[in-house]
Amino acid sequence: MADTPAIVDRNLEATTNISLKREPACFAFLSACSISAPMPIDSINLDLASADYFDGRASLWAALEMRSSVSDDSPTAILGFDETFLRPFARALIEAATTRAAFRMTILQETRGSDRCRVVEYVTGLGKALEELVLQPFDNVVLISAATRKGSGNSEESLFQLPRTDSFLRAFARIAYVADQTLRDLLADMERLARRRNSSATA
């Protein structure tokens, strides 16, 4: 079949929603530097924030959002990330939850000189770039913290919690897989459309 000239709309928010109301209580904005008071997390979802093609490269930006009854169930982003984030984060969450051992996930940045971040958090500010995430399991939840290197030591800021139950891990693995495939398909569509436009311009 011939390639279609349009990019198919993808509604990640609708296909990746997980309710946490029947799970152990989880909270966000746990750092002392948080821009909000702590809020209970009633549901989470992934959402596509932007998709661009610039300087010969397709790129996109997605977000992990939460909803809470204390904020009228309005979506609140707690993490922002590119297409490289979901696979290692899902693996880190599963490993930390199942082995009951803390997992440190290093965020590999772009080449030097690039101002493009791979992962940011919106808990302590409007898009603070992350160097490392620490996933610390407890009896019922996994605590997600941001780690930064300061001198010879490290500092950690608690960001949010996710359930450590089997039901949640299965559900999160499912939405991470769906979203990862969707984002990569979108990138492929954008590259295809750009090639078609370039070939038409030079014809």
N, C-alpha and C. Protein backbone atom coordinates (compact mmCIF):
# COMPACT_ATOMS: atom_id res chain seq x y z
N MET A 1 0.84 -1.20 0.00
CA MET A 1 0.00 0.00 0.00
C MET A 1 0.87 1.25 0.00
N ALA A 2 0.44 2.27 -0.70
CA ALA A 2 1.19 3.52 -0.74
C ALA A 2 1.10 4.23 0.60
N ASP A 3 2.17 4.96 0.95
CA ASP A 3 2.16 5.72 2.19
C ASP A 3 1.11 6.81 2.11
N THR A 4 0.42 7.00 3.21
CA THR A 4 -0.54 8.09 3.26
C THR A 4 0.21 9.37 3.59
N PRO A 5 -0.24 10.51 3.05
CA PRO A 5 0.50 11.76 3.25
C PRO A 5 0.30 12.38 4.61
N ALA A 6 -0.60 11.87 5.42
CA ALA A 6 -0.90 12.49 6.70
C ALA A 6 -0.38 11.64 7.85
N ILE A 7 -0.23 12.28 9.00
CA ILE A 7 0.18 11.59 10.22
C ILE A 7 -1.07 11.30 11.04
N VAL A 8 -1.24 10.06 11.43
CA VAL A 8 -2.42 9.65 12.18
C VAL A 8 -2.37 10.22 13.60
N ASP A 9 -3.49 10.79 14.04
CA ASP A 9 -3.58 11.34 15.38
C ASP A 9 -3.55 10.20 16.40
N ARG A 10 -2.78 10.38 17.46
CA ARG A 10 -2.64 9.35 18.49
C ARG A 10 -3.02 9.94 19.83
N ASN A 11 -4.02 9.35 20.46
CA ASN A 11 -4.54 9.85 21.73
C ASN A 11 -3.97 9.00 22.87
N LEU A 12 -2.77 9.34 23.31
CA LEU A 12 -2.14 8.57 24.38
C LEU A 12 -2.90 8.68 25.69
N GLU A 13 -3.43 9.86 25.95
CA GLU A 13 -4.12 10.08 27.22
C GLU A 13 -5.25 9.08 27.43
N ALA A 14 -6.00 8.79 26.39
CA ALA A 14 -7.14 7.88 26.52
C ALA A 14 -6.73 6.42 26.62
N THR A 15 -5.61 6.04 26.00
CA THR A 15 -5.23 4.63 25.94
C THR A 15 -4.25 4.23 27.03
N THR A 16 -3.78 5.18 27.84
CA THR A 16 -2.77 4.84 28.85
C THR A 16 -3.19 5.22 30.26
N ASN A 17 -4.47 5.38 30.50
CA ASN A 17 -4.94 5.80 31.84
C ASN A 17 -4.96 4.61 32.80
N ILE A 18 -4.43 4.82 34.01
CA ILE A 18 -4.50 3.81 35.07
C ILE A 18 -5.08 4.46 36.32
N SER A 19 -6.17 3.89 36.84
CA SER A 19 -6.74 4.37 38.09
C SER A 19 -5.96 3.79 39.26
N LEU A 20 -5.66 4.63 40.24
CA LEU A 20 -4.95 4.20 41.44
C LEU A 20 -5.85 4.18 42.67
N LYS A 21 -7.15 4.35 42.47
CA LYS A 21 -8.05 4.47 43.61
C LYS A 21 -8.16 3.18 44.40
N ARG A 22 -7.93 2.02 43.77
CA ARG A 22 -7.97 0.74 44.48
C ARG A 22 -6.57 0.24 44.87
N GLU A 23 -5.57 1.07 44.61
CA GLU A 23 -4.19 0.73 44.94
C GLU A 23 -3.79 1.37 46.27
N PRO A 24 -2.66 0.96 46.85
CA PRO A 24 -2.17 1.65 48.06
C PRO A 24 -2.01 3.15 47.79
N ALA A 25 -2.27 3.94 48.80
CA ALA A 25 -2.24 5.39 48.64
C ALA A 25 -0.86 5.87 48.17
N CYS A 26 -0.87 6.69 47.11
CA CYS A 26 0.36 7.26 46.57
C CYS A 26 0.21 8.78 46.50
N PHE A 27 1.33 9.47 46.62
CA PHE A 27 1.30 10.93 46.67
C PHE A 27 2.38 11.51 45.77
N ALA A 28 2.15 12.73 45.32
CA ALA A 28 3.13 13.47 44.52
C ALA A 28 3.44 14.79 45.21
N PHE A 29 4.48 15.47 44.73
CA PHE A 29 4.96 16.72 45.29
C PHE A 29 5.43 16.52 46.73
N LEU A 30 6.36 15.58 46.89
CA LEU A 30 6.83 15.18 48.21
C LEU A 30 8.10 15.91 48.64
N SER A 31 8.77 16.58 47.72
CA SER A 31 9.99 17.29 48.06
C SER A 31 9.68 18.55 48.86
N ALA A 32 10.62 18.91 49.72
CA ALA A 32 10.48 20.18 50.45
C ALA A 32 10.53 21.37 49.51
N CYS A 33 11.08 21.16 48.30
CA CYS A 33 11.18 22.24 47.31
C CYS A 33 10.03 22.20 46.29
N SER A 34 9.02 21.39 46.54
CA SER A 34 7.92 21.22 45.58
C SER A 34 7.18 22.54 45.38
N ILE A 35 6.64 22.69 44.17
CA ILE A 35 5.87 23.89 43.86
C ILE A 35 4.42 23.77 44.32
N SER A 36 4.06 22.63 44.91
CA SER A 36 2.70 22.40 45.40
C SER A 36 2.76 21.63 46.71
N ALA A 37 1.70 21.73 47.48
CA ALA A 37 1.56 20.86 48.64
C ALA A 37 1.38 19.42 48.16
N PRO A 38 1.71 18.42 48.99
CA PRO A 38 1.50 17.02 48.56
C PRO A 38 0.07 16.77 48.14
N MET A 39 -0.09 15.98 47.06
CA MET A 39 -1.41 15.65 46.54
C MET A 39 -1.53 14.14 46.37
N PRO A 40 -2.68 13.55 46.76
CA PRO A 40 -2.90 12.12 46.48
C PRO A 40 -3.06 11.90 44.98
N ILE A 41 -2.53 10.79 44.49
CA ILE A 41 -2.63 10.47 43.07
C ILE A 41 -3.80 9.51 42.87
N ASP A 42 -4.82 9.95 42.15
CA ASP A 42 -5.99 9.11 41.88
C ASP A 42 -5.86 8.34 40.58
N SER A 43 -5.10 8.88 39.62
CA SER A 43 -4.86 8.17 38.37
C SER A 43 -3.62 8.77 37.70
N ILE A 44 -3.04 7.99 36.79
CA ILE A 44 -1.92 8.48 35.99
C ILE A 44 -2.20 8.17 34.52
N ASN A 45 -1.54 8.90 33.65
CA ASN A 45 -1.61 8.59 32.22
C ASN A 45 -0.39 9.20 31.54
N LEU A 46 -0.13 8.75 30.34
CA LEU A 46 0.92 9.33 29.51
C LEU A 46 0.27 10.20 28.45
N ASP A 47 0.94 11.25 28.04
CA ASP A 47 0.35 12.15 27.05
C ASP A 47 1.44 12.69 26.14
N LEU A 48 1.10 12.86 24.87
CA LEU A 48 2.02 13.44 23.90
C LEU A 48 1.91 14.96 23.98
N ALA A 49 3.02 15.62 24.34
CA ALA A 49 3.00 17.07 24.49
C ALA A 49 3.32 17.79 23.20
N SER A 50 4.30 17.29 22.43
CA SER A 50 4.66 17.97 21.19
C SER A 50 5.38 17.00 20.27
N ALA A 51 5.35 17.31 18.98
CA ALA A 51 6.08 16.55 17.96
C ALA A 51 6.56 17.54 16.91
N ASP A 52 7.86 17.50 16.64
CA ASP A 52 8.45 18.49 15.73
C ASP A 52 9.42 17.81 14.77
N TYR A 53 9.61 18.47 13.63
CA TYR A 53 10.66 18.05 12.69
C TYR A 53 11.47 19.29 12.37
N PHE A 54 12.75 19.27 12.80
CA PHE A 54 13.59 20.45 12.63
C PHE A 54 15.02 20.04 12.33
N ASP A 55 15.63 20.72 11.39
CA ASP A 55 17.03 20.50 11.04
C ASP A 55 17.30 19.03 10.69
N GLY A 56 16.36 18.44 9.95
CA GLY A 56 16.54 17.07 9.49
C GLY A 56 16.32 16.00 10.53
N ARG A 57 15.65 16.35 11.61
CA ARG A 57 15.45 15.37 12.69
C ARG A 57 14.05 15.47 13.26
N ALA A 58 13.42 14.31 13.43
CA ALA A 58 12.12 14.24 14.08
C ALA A 58 12.32 14.09 15.59
N SER A 59 11.54 14.80 16.37
CA SER A 59 11.64 14.70 17.82
C SER A 59 10.26 14.86 18.42
N LEU A 60 10.10 14.36 19.61
CA LEU A 60 8.82 14.48 20.30
C LEU A 60 9.05 14.60 21.80
N TRP A 61 8.01 14.99 22.48
CA TRP A 61 8.06 15.18 23.93
C TRP A 61 6.76 14.67 24.52
N ALA A 62 6.88 13.83 25.54
CA ALA A 62 5.71 13.25 26.19
C ALA A 62 5.77 13.55 27.68
N ALA A 63 4.69 13.25 28.37
CA ALA A 63 4.63 13.55 29.80
C ALA A 63 3.92 12.43 30.55
N LEU A 64 4.38 12.22 31.79
CA LEU A 64 3.64 11.40 32.74
C LEU A 64 2.79 12.35 33.57
N GLU A 65 1.48 12.18 33.45
CA GLU A 65 0.54 13.07 34.14
C GLU A 65 -0.18 12.33 35.26
N MET A 66 -0.58 13.10 36.26
CA MET A 66 -1.40 12.57 37.35
C MET A 66 -2.67 13.41 37.46
N ARG A 67 -3.67 12.80 38.05
CA ARG A 67 -4.91 13.51 38.37
C ARG A 67 -5.26 13.24 39.83
N SER A 68 -5.80 14.27 40.47
CA SER A 68 -6.13 14.16 41.89
C SER A 68 -7.45 14.86 42.16
N SER A 69 -8.23 14.28 43.06
CA SER A 69 -9.52 14.89 43.41
C SER A 69 -9.33 16.24 44.07
N VAL A 70 -8.17 16.48 44.71
CA VAL A 70 -7.97 17.76 45.38
C VAL A 70 -7.74 18.89 44.38
N SER A 71 -7.43 18.55 43.12
CA SER A 71 -7.25 19.58 42.08
C SER A 71 -8.30 19.41 40.99
N ASP A 72 -9.48 18.91 41.37
CA ASP A 72 -10.60 18.75 40.44
C ASP A 72 -10.27 17.83 39.26
N ASP A 73 -9.39 16.86 39.49
CA ASP A 73 -9.01 15.86 38.47
C ASP A 73 -8.42 16.49 37.22
N SER A 74 -7.85 17.68 37.33
CA SER A 74 -7.18 18.28 36.18
C SER A 74 -5.81 17.63 36.00
N PRO A 75 -5.37 17.42 34.75
CA PRO A 75 -4.08 16.76 34.53
C PRO A 75 -2.92 17.62 34.99
N THR A 76 -1.99 17.01 35.69
CA THR A 76 -0.80 17.69 36.19
C THR A 76 0.43 16.87 35.80
N ALA A 77 1.29 17.44 34.99
CA ALA A 77 2.50 16.73 34.56
C ALA A 77 3.50 16.66 35.71
N ILE A 78 4.10 15.47 35.91
CA ILE A 78 5.13 15.33 36.94
C ILE A 78 6.49 14.97 36.33
N LEU A 79 6.49 14.36 35.14
CA LEU A 79 7.71 14.10 34.40
C LEU A 79 7.49 14.44 32.94
N GLY A 80 8.52 14.93 32.27
CA GLY A 80 8.51 15.13 30.83
C GLY A 80 9.70 14.39 30.24
N PHE A 81 9.55 13.83 29.04
CA PHE A 81 10.62 12.98 28.51
C PHE A 81 10.50 12.81 27.01
N ASP A 82 11.62 12.36 26.40
CA ASP A 82 11.61 12.05 24.97
C ASP A 82 11.35 10.56 24.77
N GLU A 83 11.50 10.10 23.51
CA GLU A 83 11.12 8.73 23.18
C GLU A 83 12.05 7.66 23.75
N THR A 84 13.20 8.07 24.31
CA THR A 84 14.16 7.09 24.83
C THR A 84 13.89 6.70 26.28
N PHE A 85 12.92 7.33 26.95
CA PHE A 85 12.77 7.19 28.40
C PHE A 85 11.95 5.99 28.84
N LEU A 86 10.86 5.70 28.17
CA LEU A 86 9.88 4.75 28.71
C LEU A 86 10.43 3.34 28.91
N ARG A 87 11.20 2.83 27.97
CA ARG A 87 11.70 1.45 28.10
C ARG A 87 12.57 1.28 29.35
N PRO A 88 13.63 2.10 29.53
CA PRO A 88 14.44 1.90 30.73
C PRO A 88 13.71 2.21 32.03
N PHE A 89 12.77 3.18 32.00
CA PHE A 89 12.04 3.49 33.23
C PHE A 89 11.13 2.34 33.63
N ALA A 90 10.44 1.73 32.68
CA ALA A 90 9.58 0.59 32.99
C ALA A 90 10.40 -0.56 33.55
N ARG A 91 11.57 -0.82 32.96
CA ARG A 91 12.45 -1.88 33.47
C ARG A 91 12.91 -1.57 34.89
N ALA A 92 13.29 -0.31 35.13
CA ALA A 92 13.77 0.08 36.46
C ALA A 92 12.67 -0.07 37.50
N LEU A 93 11.45 0.35 37.17
CA LEU A 93 10.33 0.23 38.10
C LEU A 93 10.04 -1.22 38.44
N ILE A 94 10.02 -2.08 37.42
CA ILE A 94 9.74 -3.50 37.65
C ILE A 94 10.85 -4.13 38.48
N GLU A 95 12.10 -3.81 38.17
CA GLU A 95 13.21 -4.41 38.92
C GLU A 95 13.21 -3.95 40.37
N ALA A 96 13.01 -2.67 40.60
CA ALA A 96 12.98 -2.18 41.98
C ALA A 96 11.84 -2.80 42.77
N ALA A 97 10.67 -2.92 42.14
CA ALA A 97 9.50 -3.46 42.83
C ALA A 97 9.64 -4.94 43.13
N THR A 98 10.21 -5.70 42.21
CA THR A 98 10.27 -7.16 42.37
C THR A 98 11.47 -7.64 43.17
N THR A 99 12.59 -6.90 43.12
CA THR A 99 13.78 -7.31 43.87
C THR A 99 13.84 -6.67 45.24
N ARG A 100 13.00 -5.65 45.48
CA ARG A 100 12.98 -4.90 46.74
C ARG A 100 14.32 -4.23 47.02
N ALA A 101 15.01 -3.86 45.96
CA ALA A 101 16.29 -3.17 46.07
C ALA A 101 16.21 -1.86 45.30
N ALA A 102 16.80 -0.82 45.85
CA ALA A 102 16.78 0.48 45.18
C ALA A 102 17.49 0.39 43.83
N PHE A 103 16.95 1.10 42.85
CA PHE A 103 17.51 1.11 41.50
C PHE A 103 17.83 2.54 41.13
N ARG A 104 19.07 2.77 40.69
CA ARG A 104 19.50 4.10 40.25
C ARG A 104 19.52 4.12 38.72
N MET A 105 18.74 5.01 38.15
CA MET A 105 18.62 5.11 36.69
C MET A 105 19.28 6.40 36.22
N THR A 106 20.43 6.26 35.58
CA THR A 106 21.16 7.42 35.07
C THR A 106 20.52 7.91 33.77
N ILE A 107 20.36 9.22 33.66
CA ILE A 107 19.79 9.82 32.46
C ILE A 107 20.93 10.26 31.55
N LEU A 108 21.11 9.58 30.44
CA LEU A 108 22.16 9.94 29.49
C LEU A 108 21.71 11.13 28.67
N GLN A 109 22.51 12.19 28.69
CA GLN A 109 22.13 13.41 28.00
C GLN A 109 22.63 13.40 26.56
N GLU A 110 22.20 14.40 25.80
CA GLU A 110 22.66 14.57 24.43
C GLU A 110 24.15 14.90 24.44
N THR A 111 24.75 14.98 23.28
CA THR A 111 26.16 15.32 23.17
C THR A 111 26.41 16.70 23.74
N ARG A 112 27.65 16.95 24.14
CA ARG A 112 28.00 18.24 24.71
C ARG A 112 27.69 19.37 23.72
N GLY A 113 27.21 20.45 24.30
CA GLY A 113 26.85 21.59 23.46
C GLY A 113 25.39 21.61 23.10
N SER A 114 24.69 20.49 23.32
CA SER A 114 23.26 20.45 23.03
C SER A 114 22.47 20.90 24.25
N ASP A 115 21.44 21.72 24.03
CA ASP A 115 20.61 22.18 25.14
C ASP A 115 19.33 21.37 25.27
N ARG A 116 19.29 20.25 24.59
CA ARG A 116 18.09 19.39 24.60
C ARG A 116 18.17 18.40 25.77
N CYS A 117 17.17 18.42 26.63
CA CYS A 117 17.10 17.52 27.78
C CYS A 117 16.31 16.26 27.39
N ARG A 118 16.66 15.15 27.99
CA ARG A 118 15.92 13.91 27.74
C ARG A 118 14.78 13.70 28.73
N VAL A 119 15.00 14.11 29.98
CA VAL A 119 13.99 13.93 31.02
C VAL A 119 14.01 15.13 31.95
N VAL A 120 12.83 15.65 32.29
CA VAL A 120 12.72 16.73 33.26
C VAL A 120 11.63 16.38 34.26
N GLU A 121 11.69 17.04 35.42
CA GLU A 121 10.61 16.87 36.40
C GLU A 121 9.93 18.21 36.63
N TYR A 122 8.62 18.15 36.89
CA TYR A 122 7.82 19.34 37.11
C TYR A 122 7.36 19.47 38.56
N VAL A 123 7.98 18.71 39.45
CA VAL A 123 7.59 18.73 40.86
C VAL A 123 8.20 19.92 41.58
N THR A 124 9.48 20.21 41.32
CA THR A 124 10.16 21.31 42.00
C THR A 124 10.31 22.55 41.13
N GLY A 125 9.85 22.48 39.91
CA GLY A 125 9.96 23.64 39.03
C GLY A 125 9.37 23.36 37.67
N LEU A 126 9.49 24.31 36.77
CA LEU A 126 8.89 24.19 35.44
C LEU A 126 9.87 23.52 34.48
N GLY A 127 10.14 22.26 34.71
CA GLY A 127 10.98 21.50 33.80
C GLY A 127 12.44 21.47 34.21
N LYS A 128 12.73 20.93 35.38
CA LYS A 128 14.11 20.82 35.85
C LYS A 128 14.74 19.56 35.27
N ALA A 129 15.86 19.71 34.56
CA ALA A 129 16.52 18.57 33.92
C ALA A 129 17.02 17.58 34.96
N LEU A 130 16.87 16.29 34.66
CA LEU A 130 17.27 15.23 35.59
C LEU A 130 18.57 14.58 35.17
N GLU A 131 19.41 14.29 36.14
CA GLU A 131 20.64 13.54 35.91
C GLU A 131 20.46 12.07 36.26
N GLU A 132 19.66 11.81 37.28
CA GLU A 132 19.49 10.43 37.75
C GLU A 132 18.18 10.31 38.52
N LEU A 133 17.49 9.21 38.33
CA LEU A 133 16.31 8.87 39.11
C LEU A 133 16.66 7.72 40.05
N VAL A 134 16.14 7.79 41.26
CA VAL A 134 16.32 6.71 42.23
C VAL A 134 14.94 6.12 42.53
N LEU A 135 14.79 4.83 42.32
CA LEU A 135 13.53 4.14 42.58
C LEU A 135 13.72 3.28 43.82
N GLN A 136 13.10 3.70 44.93
CA GLN A 136 13.29 3.03 46.22
C GLN A 136 12.00 2.30 46.61
N PRO A 137 12.04 0.95 46.67
CA PRO A 137 10.82 0.21 47.02
C PRO A 137 10.59 0.17 48.53
N PHE A 138 9.32 0.26 48.90
CA PHE A 138 8.88 0.06 50.28
C PHE A 138 7.81 -1.03 50.27
N ASP A 139 7.14 -1.24 51.38
CA ASP A 139 6.18 -2.35 51.46
C ASP A 139 5.11 -2.26 50.38
N ASN A 140 4.52 -1.07 50.20
CA ASN A 140 3.37 -0.94 49.29
C ASN A 140 3.62 -0.03 48.10
N VAL A 141 4.67 0.79 48.17
CA VAL A 141 4.90 1.77 47.11
C VAL A 141 6.37 1.78 46.71
N VAL A 142 6.63 2.40 45.55
CA VAL A 142 7.98 2.70 45.11
C VAL A 142 8.12 4.22 45.08
N LEU A 143 9.11 4.73 45.80
CA LEU A 143 9.34 6.16 45.83
C LEU A 143 10.28 6.55 44.70
N ILE A 144 9.87 7.54 43.89
CA ILE A 144 10.68 8.04 42.79
C ILE A 144 11.31 9.35 43.22
N SER A 145 12.65 9.41 43.22
CA SER A 145 13.38 10.60 43.64
C SER A 145 14.33 11.04 42.55
N ALA A 146 14.66 12.34 42.56
CA ALA A 146 15.65 12.90 41.65
C ALA A 146 16.96 13.04 42.39
N ALA A 147 18.03 12.51 41.82
CA ALA A 147 19.36 12.60 42.44
C ALA A 147 20.24 13.53 41.64
N THR A 148 20.95 14.39 42.34
CA THR A 148 21.90 15.30 41.69
C THR A 148 23.23 15.21 42.42
N ARG A 149 24.29 15.38 41.67
CA ARG A 149 25.64 15.32 42.24
C ARG A 149 26.07 16.71 42.67
N LYS A 150 26.48 16.81 43.93
CA LYS A 150 26.97 18.08 44.47
C LYS A 150 28.31 17.84 45.13
N GLY A 151 29.37 18.30 44.48
CA GLY A 151 30.69 18.09 45.02
C GLY A 151 31.04 16.63 45.07
N SER A 152 31.40 16.13 46.23
CA SER A 152 31.77 14.73 46.40
C SER A 152 30.60 13.85 46.79
N GLY A 153 29.41 14.46 46.98
CA GLY A 153 28.26 13.69 47.41
C GLY A 153 27.07 13.86 46.50
N ASN A 154 25.96 13.21 46.88
CA ASN A 154 24.72 13.29 46.11
C ASN A 154 23.61 13.83 46.99
N SER A 155 22.66 14.51 46.37
CA SER A 155 21.45 14.94 47.08
C SER A 155 20.24 14.37 46.35
N GLU A 156 19.18 14.08 47.09
CA GLU A 156 17.98 13.51 46.50
C GLU A 156 16.75 14.30 46.90
N GLU A 157 15.86 14.47 45.93
CA GLU A 157 14.59 15.14 46.16
C GLU A 157 13.47 14.15 45.86
N SER A 158 12.62 13.88 46.85
CA SER A 158 11.49 12.97 46.65
C SER A 158 10.47 13.63 45.74
N LEU A 159 10.05 12.90 44.68
CA LEU A 159 9.14 13.48 43.70
C LEU A 159 7.72 12.93 43.86
N PHE A 160 7.56 11.60 43.70
CA PHE A 160 6.23 11.01 43.77
C PHE A 160 6.36 9.52 44.05
N GLN A 161 5.23 8.88 44.32
CA GLN A 161 5.19 7.44 44.59
C GLN A 161 4.33 6.73 43.56
N LEU A 162 4.64 5.46 43.31
CA LEU A 162 3.80 4.59 42.50
C LEU A 162 3.57 3.29 43.26
N PRO A 163 2.44 2.62 43.05
CA PRO A 163 2.15 1.38 43.78
C PRO A 163 3.16 0.28 43.44
N ARG A 164 3.34 -0.66 44.37
CA ARG A 164 4.25 -1.79 44.15
C ARG A 164 3.47 -3.09 44.00
N THR A 165 2.19 -3.00 43.67
CA THR A 165 1.35 -4.18 43.57
C THR A 165 1.51 -4.86 42.21
N ASP A 166 1.18 -6.14 42.16
CA ASP A 166 1.24 -6.87 40.89
C ASP A 166 0.30 -6.26 39.85
N SER A 167 -0.89 -5.87 40.29
CA SER A 167 -1.88 -5.32 39.35
C SER A 167 -1.36 -4.03 38.73
N PHE A 168 -0.73 -3.17 39.53
CA PHE A 168 -0.23 -1.92 38.96
C PHE A 168 0.95 -2.18 38.03
N LEU A 169 1.86 -3.05 38.43
CA LEU A 169 3.02 -3.32 37.58
C LEU A 169 2.60 -3.86 36.22
N ARG A 170 1.62 -4.75 36.22
CA ARG A 170 1.11 -5.26 34.94
C ARG A 170 0.50 -4.14 34.10
N ALA A 171 -0.30 -3.30 34.75
CA ALA A 171 -0.95 -2.21 34.03
C ALA A 171 0.08 -1.20 33.52
N PHE A 172 1.09 -0.90 34.32
CA PHE A 172 2.09 0.07 33.87
C PHE A 172 2.93 -0.48 32.74
N ALA A 173 3.29 -1.77 32.83
CA ALA A 173 4.05 -2.38 31.74
C ALA A 173 3.25 -2.32 30.44
N ARG A 174 1.92 -2.51 30.54
CA ARG A 174 1.08 -2.46 29.35
C ARG A 174 1.07 -1.07 28.74
N ILE A 175 0.85 -0.02 29.55
CA ILE A 175 0.76 1.32 28.98
C ILE A 175 2.13 1.80 28.49
N ALA A 176 3.20 1.38 29.16
CA ALA A 176 4.53 1.76 28.71
C ALA A 176 4.82 1.15 27.35
N TYR A 177 4.41 -0.11 27.16
CA TYR A 177 4.60 -0.77 25.86
C TYR A 177 3.79 -0.07 24.78
N VAL A 178 2.52 0.20 25.07
CA VAL A 178 1.65 0.85 24.10
C VAL A 178 2.20 2.23 23.73
N ALA A 179 2.58 3.00 24.75
CA ALA A 179 3.07 4.35 24.49
C ALA A 179 4.39 4.33 23.75
N ASP A 180 5.29 3.42 24.11
CA ASP A 180 6.59 3.33 23.44
C ASP A 180 6.40 3.03 21.95
N GLN A 181 5.52 2.08 21.64
CA GLN A 181 5.26 1.76 20.24
C GLN A 181 4.62 2.93 19.50
N THR A 182 3.70 3.60 20.17
CA THR A 182 3.02 4.74 19.56
C THR A 182 3.99 5.87 19.25
N LEU A 183 4.86 6.18 20.20
CA LEU A 183 5.81 7.28 20.00
C LEU A 183 6.80 6.95 18.88
N ARG A 184 7.28 5.72 18.85
CA ARG A 184 8.24 5.34 17.82
C ARG A 184 7.57 5.28 16.44
N ASP A 185 6.31 4.84 16.40
CA ASP A 185 5.57 4.85 15.13
C ASP A 185 5.38 6.29 14.64
N LEU A 186 5.11 7.20 15.58
CA LEU A 186 4.93 8.59 15.21
C LEU A 186 6.22 9.17 14.64
N LEU A 187 7.35 8.87 15.27
CA LEU A 187 8.63 9.34 14.74
C LEU A 187 8.87 8.81 13.32
N ALA A 188 8.56 7.52 13.12
CA ALA A 188 8.73 6.93 11.79
C ALA A 188 7.83 7.63 10.77
N ASP A 189 6.59 7.93 11.15
CA ASP A 189 5.67 8.65 10.26
C ASP A 189 6.20 10.04 9.91
N MET A 190 6.75 10.72 10.90
CA MET A 190 7.28 12.06 10.67
C MET A 190 8.48 12.02 9.72
N GLU A 191 9.35 11.03 9.91
CA GLU A 191 10.50 10.88 9.01
C GLU A 191 10.03 10.55 7.59
N ARG A 192 9.03 9.69 7.49
CA ARG A 192 8.51 9.32 6.18
C ARG A 192 7.91 10.52 5.46
N LEU A 193 7.13 11.30 6.19
CA LEU A 193 6.49 12.47 5.60
C LEU A 193 7.53 13.51 5.17
N ALA A 194 8.58 13.65 5.99
CA ALA A 194 9.64 14.60 5.63
C ALA A 194 10.37 14.16 4.37
N ARG A 195 10.64 12.86 4.27
CA ARG A 195 11.30 12.36 3.06
C ARG A 195 10.43 12.59 1.84
N ARG A 196 9.12 12.39 1.97
CA ARG A 196 8.22 12.59 0.84
C ARG A 196 8.21 14.05 0.41
N ARG A 197 8.19 14.96 1.39
CA ARG A 197 8.17 16.38 1.05
C ARG A 197 9.49 16.80 0.42
N ASN A 198 10.61 16.25 0.91
CA ASN A 198 11.91 16.59 0.34
C ASN A 198 12.02 16.10 -1.09
N SER A 199 11.53 14.87 -1.33
CA SER A 199 11.60 14.33 -2.69
C SER A 199 10.69 15.11 -3.65
N SER A 200 9.55 15.58 -3.14
CA SER A 200 8.65 16.37 -3.98
C SER A 200 9.26 17.73 -4.30
N ALA A 201 10.00 18.29 -3.33
CA ALA A 201 10.59 19.60 -3.54
C ALA A 201 11.74 19.56 -4.55
N THR A 202 12.44 18.41 -4.61
CA THR A 202 13.57 18.30 -5.53
C THR A 202 13.20 17.69 -6.86
N ALA A 203 11.95 17.25 -6.98
CA ALA A 203 11.53 16.63 -8.25
C ALA A 203 11.40 17.66 -9.36
